[in-house]
Protein backbone atom coordinates (compact mmCIF):
# COMPACT_ATOMS: atom_id res chain seq x y z
CA MET A 1 178.59 19.35 -122.79
CA SER A 2 179.40 23.00 -122.16
CA THR A 3 182.92 24.26 -122.86
CA VAL A 4 182.64 26.79 -120.00
CA LYS A 5 184.67 25.51 -117.06
CA PHE A 6 184.80 28.62 -114.88
CA GLY A 7 181.99 31.13 -114.59
CA PHE A 8 182.05 34.23 -112.44
CA ILE A 9 178.90 35.87 -111.11
CA GLY A 10 180.41 39.15 -109.99
CA ALA A 11 183.49 40.58 -111.68
CA GLY A 12 184.38 43.18 -109.05
CA ASN A 13 187.74 43.55 -107.33
CA MET A 14 187.99 40.01 -105.96
CA GLY A 15 186.03 38.22 -108.67
CA GLY A 16 187.98 40.06 -111.34
CA ALA A 17 191.32 39.25 -109.69
CA LEU A 18 190.45 35.55 -109.50
CA ALA A 19 189.26 35.59 -113.11
CA ARG A 20 192.60 37.08 -114.17
CA ALA A 21 194.45 34.31 -112.34
CA VAL A 22 192.26 31.58 -113.82
CA CYS A 23 192.76 32.93 -117.33
CA LYS A 24 196.53 32.54 -116.85
CA SER A 25 196.11 28.85 -116.00
CA VAL A 26 193.39 27.73 -118.40
CA ASN A 27 192.25 28.66 -121.88
CA PRO A 28 190.41 31.99 -121.50
CA LYS A 29 187.77 30.63 -123.88
CA GLU A 30 186.72 28.37 -121.01
CA VAL A 31 185.94 31.37 -118.76
CA LEU A 32 182.67 33.29 -118.65
CA LEU A 33 182.10 36.56 -116.76
CA SER A 34 178.95 38.22 -115.49
CA ASP A 35 178.41 41.33 -113.42
CA MET A 36 175.65 43.74 -112.40
CA SER A 37 177.49 46.18 -114.63
CA ALA A 38 177.49 44.59 -118.06
CA VAL A 39 180.08 47.14 -119.19
CA LYS A 40 182.47 46.06 -116.42
CA ALA A 41 182.11 42.40 -117.40
CA GLN A 42 182.61 43.22 -121.08
CA LEU A 43 185.71 45.33 -120.49
CA LEU A 44 187.34 42.68 -118.33
CA ALA A 45 186.39 39.91 -120.74
CA ASN A 46 187.92 41.85 -123.63
CA GLU A 47 191.08 42.34 -121.59
CA LEU A 48 191.39 38.67 -120.69
CA GLY A 49 190.17 37.19 -123.97
CA CYS A 50 187.30 35.35 -122.32
CA SER A 51 183.52 35.58 -122.76
CA TYR A 52 180.93 37.64 -120.94
CA GLY A 53 177.22 37.23 -120.43
CA ASP A 54 174.67 37.36 -117.64
CA ASN A 55 173.99 35.34 -114.49
CA VAL A 56 171.67 33.05 -116.44
CA ALA A 57 174.46 32.10 -118.82
CA VAL A 58 176.93 31.40 -116.01
CA ALA A 59 174.49 29.40 -113.88
CA SER A 60 173.33 27.40 -116.88
CA SER A 61 176.71 26.42 -118.30
CA ALA A 62 179.75 26.75 -116.02
CA ARG A 63 181.24 23.71 -114.28
CA PHE A 64 182.63 25.90 -111.48
CA ILE A 65 180.24 28.73 -110.62
CA PHE A 66 182.01 31.45 -108.62
CA LEU A 67 179.52 33.40 -106.51
CA GLY A 68 181.22 36.77 -106.11
CA VAL A 69 178.38 38.42 -104.22
CA LYS A 70 178.29 40.00 -100.78
CA PRO A 71 177.10 37.91 -97.80
CA GLN A 72 174.01 40.05 -97.24
CA VAL A 73 172.70 39.41 -100.77
CA MET A 74 173.79 35.78 -101.16
CA ASP A 75 170.37 34.39 -100.26
CA THR A 76 168.61 36.56 -102.85
CA ALA A 77 171.22 35.79 -105.50
CA LEU A 78 171.04 32.03 -105.02
CA LYS A 79 167.26 31.91 -104.91
CA SER A 80 167.18 33.61 -108.29
CA LEU A 81 169.40 30.83 -109.65
CA ILE A 82 167.40 27.88 -108.27
CA PRO A 83 165.30 27.29 -111.44
CA LEU A 84 168.43 27.41 -113.61
CA LEU A 85 170.40 25.00 -111.43
CA GLU A 86 167.50 22.58 -111.18
CA LYS A 87 167.25 22.36 -114.99
CA ARG A 88 170.85 21.24 -115.37
CA ASN A 89 171.53 17.56 -116.00
CA ASP A 90 175.32 17.92 -115.98
CA ARG A 91 177.66 18.22 -113.00
CA PHE A 92 178.72 21.59 -111.54
CA VAL A 93 180.29 22.99 -108.37
CA LEU A 94 179.26 26.15 -106.55
CA VAL A 95 182.19 28.25 -105.33
CA THR A 96 181.38 30.76 -102.60
CA MET A 97 183.64 33.47 -101.22
CA ALA A 98 181.10 35.11 -98.90
CA ALA A 99 182.45 35.73 -95.40
CA GLY A 100 180.67 34.02 -92.55
CA ILE A 101 178.33 31.83 -94.63
CA LYS A 102 178.78 28.08 -94.14
CA ILE A 103 178.55 25.47 -96.87
CA SER A 104 175.37 24.08 -95.30
CA GLU A 105 173.80 27.53 -95.55
CA ILE A 106 174.83 27.85 -99.21
CA THR A 107 173.16 24.54 -100.10
CA ALA A 108 170.05 25.54 -98.15
CA MET A 109 169.87 28.82 -100.07
CA ALA A 110 170.42 26.97 -103.36
CA GLY A 111 167.63 24.54 -102.56
CA LYS A 112 169.66 21.35 -102.98
CA ASN A 113 172.76 19.61 -101.66
CA TYR A 114 175.00 20.66 -104.56
CA PRO A 115 178.80 20.25 -104.42
CA VAL A 116 180.26 23.40 -102.84
CA ILE A 117 183.76 24.78 -102.45
CA ARG A 118 184.06 27.63 -99.97
CA ILE A 119 187.02 29.96 -100.44
CA MET A 120 188.40 33.00 -98.65
CA PRO A 121 190.96 34.80 -100.85
CA ASN A 122 192.73 38.03 -100.03
CA THR A 123 193.45 41.06 -102.21
CA PRO A 124 197.09 40.19 -103.08
CA VAL A 125 195.68 37.54 -105.45
CA SER A 126 195.55 40.45 -107.90
CA VAL A 127 199.37 40.35 -108.12
CA GLY A 128 199.72 36.58 -107.84
CA LYS A 129 200.83 36.71 -104.20
CA GLY A 130 197.52 35.96 -102.52
CA MET A 131 196.48 33.48 -99.89
CA ILE A 132 193.42 31.43 -100.83
CA LEU A 133 191.88 29.31 -98.09
CA TYR A 134 189.37 26.71 -99.14
CA THR A 135 187.21 23.94 -97.79
CA ALA A 136 184.92 21.62 -99.71
CA SER A 137 181.74 19.66 -99.10
CA GLU A 138 181.78 15.87 -99.25
CA GLU A 139 180.00 16.05 -102.61
CA VAL A 140 183.04 17.56 -104.33
CA PHE A 141 185.22 14.96 -106.10
CA MET A 142 188.98 14.91 -105.56
CA ASP A 143 189.67 15.47 -109.26
CA GLU A 144 187.45 18.56 -109.11
CA ILE A 145 189.46 19.88 -106.17
CA GLY A 146 192.65 19.26 -108.12
CA GLU A 147 191.33 21.07 -111.17
CA PHE A 148 190.12 23.94 -109.01
CA CYS A 149 193.48 24.34 -107.24
CA ASP A 150 195.42 24.15 -110.51
CA ALA A 151 193.25 26.89 -112.00
CA LEU A 152 193.99 29.22 -109.08
CA LYS A 153 197.71 28.56 -108.73
CA GLN A 154 198.58 31.82 -110.52
CA ALA A 155 196.74 33.73 -107.78
CA GLY A 156 199.15 32.68 -105.03
CA ARG A 157 199.10 30.00 -102.35
CA VAL A 158 196.06 27.73 -102.13
CA ASP A 159 195.54 25.81 -98.91
CA ARG A 160 192.79 23.50 -97.68
CA ILE A 161 191.50 24.01 -94.14
CA GLU A 162 188.65 22.62 -92.06
CA GLU A 163 185.53 24.73 -92.36
CA LYS A 164 185.39 25.26 -88.59
CA LEU A 165 188.74 27.10 -88.86
CA ILE A 166 188.15 29.12 -92.02
CA ASP A 167 186.74 32.19 -90.25
CA ALA A 168 189.74 32.36 -87.93
CA ALA A 169 192.14 31.87 -90.83
CA SER A 170 190.38 34.57 -92.83
CA ALA A 171 190.75 37.02 -89.96
CA VAL A 172 194.51 36.57 -90.40
CA SER A 173 194.95 36.35 -94.18
CA GLY A 174 191.78 38.00 -95.44
CA CYS A 175 191.83 41.03 -93.14
CA GLY A 176 195.59 40.97 -92.59
CA PRO A 177 196.53 43.00 -95.69
CA ALA A 178 194.71 46.03 -94.26
CA PHE A 179 196.65 45.71 -91.01
CA VAL A 180 199.89 45.33 -92.96
CA TYR A 181 199.15 48.47 -94.99
CA ILE A 182 198.61 50.44 -91.79
CA PHE A 183 201.96 49.21 -90.48
CA CYS A 184 203.63 50.01 -93.81
CA GLU A 185 202.17 53.51 -93.80
CA ALA A 186 203.36 53.99 -90.22
CA LEU A 187 206.87 52.87 -91.17
CA ALA A 188 206.88 55.33 -94.07
CA ASP A 189 205.50 58.14 -91.89
CA ALA A 190 208.29 57.52 -89.40
CA GLY A 191 210.82 57.63 -92.21
CA VAL A 192 209.43 60.99 -93.33
CA GLU A 193 209.64 62.25 -89.77
CA CYS A 194 213.29 61.24 -89.74
CA GLY A 195 213.94 63.16 -92.97
CA LEU A 196 213.31 60.72 -95.82
CA PRO A 197 211.37 61.82 -98.91
CA ARG A 198 207.87 60.32 -98.86
CA ALA A 199 208.35 58.19 -102.01
CA LYS A 200 211.63 56.75 -100.75
CA ALA A 201 210.21 56.03 -97.31
CA LEU A 202 207.23 54.18 -98.77
CA GLU A 203 209.38 52.18 -101.19
CA TYR A 204 211.77 51.12 -98.44
CA ALA A 205 208.94 50.18 -96.08
CA ALA A 206 207.07 48.13 -98.69
CA GLN A 207 210.16 46.28 -99.91
CA THR A 208 211.17 45.56 -96.32
CA LEU A 209 207.77 44.00 -95.61
CA SER A 210 207.88 41.99 -98.84
CA GLY A 211 211.40 40.72 -98.22
CA ALA A 212 210.77 39.91 -94.57
CA ALA A 213 207.67 37.91 -95.48
CA GLU A 214 209.52 35.97 -98.18
CA LEU A 215 212.37 35.18 -95.78
CA LEU A 216 209.90 33.94 -93.19
CA LEU A 217 208.15 31.69 -95.73
CA THR A 218 211.33 30.22 -97.22
CA SER A 219 213.68 29.96 -94.23
CA GLY A 220 211.51 27.75 -92.07
CA LYS A 221 212.61 29.77 -89.05
CA HIS A 222 210.26 30.98 -86.31
CA PRO A 223 209.59 34.72 -86.57
CA ALA A 224 211.09 35.20 -83.10
CA VAL A 225 214.37 33.69 -84.33
CA LEU A 226 214.44 35.98 -87.37
CA LYS A 227 213.67 38.94 -85.12
CA ASP A 228 216.53 38.02 -82.80
CA GLU A 229 218.90 37.81 -85.77
CA VAL A 230 218.26 41.50 -86.47
CA CYS A 231 218.54 42.62 -82.85
CA SER A 232 222.20 43.17 -81.95
CA PRO A 233 222.98 43.56 -78.22
CA GLY A 234 222.60 47.19 -77.25
CA GLY A 235 221.73 48.08 -80.82
CA THR A 236 219.19 50.24 -82.61
CA THR A 237 216.70 47.49 -83.55
CA ILE A 238 216.20 46.20 -80.02
CA ALA A 239 215.54 49.76 -78.92
CA GLY A 240 212.79 49.96 -81.54
CA VAL A 241 211.38 46.58 -80.49
CA HIS A 242 211.26 47.84 -76.91
CA ALA A 243 209.21 50.84 -78.08
CA LEU A 244 206.78 48.58 -79.93
CA GLU A 245 206.31 46.35 -76.90
CA GLU A 246 205.93 49.35 -74.61
CA ASN A 247 203.11 50.67 -76.80
CA GLY A 248 201.23 47.39 -77.00
CA PHE A 249 202.00 46.50 -80.62
CA ARG A 250 201.42 42.76 -80.19
CA GLY A 251 198.27 43.26 -78.14
CA ALA A 252 196.83 45.73 -80.64
CA THR A 253 197.53 43.31 -83.53
CA MET A 254 195.93 40.40 -81.70
CA SER A 255 192.90 42.53 -80.85
CA ALA A 256 192.53 43.55 -84.50
CA VAL A 257 192.46 39.92 -85.66
CA LYS A 258 190.09 38.87 -82.88
CA SER A 259 187.73 41.77 -83.68
CA ALA A 260 187.74 40.79 -87.35
CA PHE A 261 187.00 37.17 -86.39
CA ASP A 262 184.11 38.20 -84.14
CA LYS A 263 182.63 40.34 -86.91
CA THR A 264 182.89 37.48 -89.38
CA LYS A 265 181.03 35.19 -87.01
CA ALA A 266 178.35 37.85 -86.58
CA LEU A 267 177.89 38.09 -90.36
CA GLY A 268 176.97 34.43 -90.43
CA LYS A 269 174.14 34.75 -87.93
């Protein structure tokens, strides 16, 4: 039996971030990396203390095969792996992170009803503060799901969701960091306009977002309640909230998420 538990086909930004997290939870010797750029895979493997090889090695040996390829090339990538997967007589799980592609489509591309876990991580997994959504096919055993979740716990929060909801959830957590960065940049720009040095303004904005998010997650309070706790009667904060509402902040945010959701659905067609 192979000693490779986790194999990554694609060691780019997201694949590399997940590999880093996995190597913090399991023995790096159980991790195998592959990438179109062999140099990239080698450098990351050397950094993490794991092994590197090619797609053939990953598909032939890993128990969890992470498919870190873009949606538009998933079909080509999986078809190239069909002969390798068919030769295996041991158990393995395909792990896909391609936006908009359903589990049923992954198994069709792979040529057989293999066990599949579908995940949608976001970029903060690179600092251990990510949100990883996942759903699994009926063929995946519960102990495999447990092992998978344990391996990714250093990446952030891991949460199971019905597949029919994963695109909507991804529009919030997967695309959300970009929207948050725009808001953070706007906060910092406003601070600069008010006289703050750029570095200070950016630090204060980022820490404020981080702290506010942590308070929301740990307090159990509705965001509206937390907002009200900051807004003193006749004070400065409520004046700022009024300006946000007047300029359609909520509507613009909702439209951004809905547009991202619609695009994700289109990718799957």
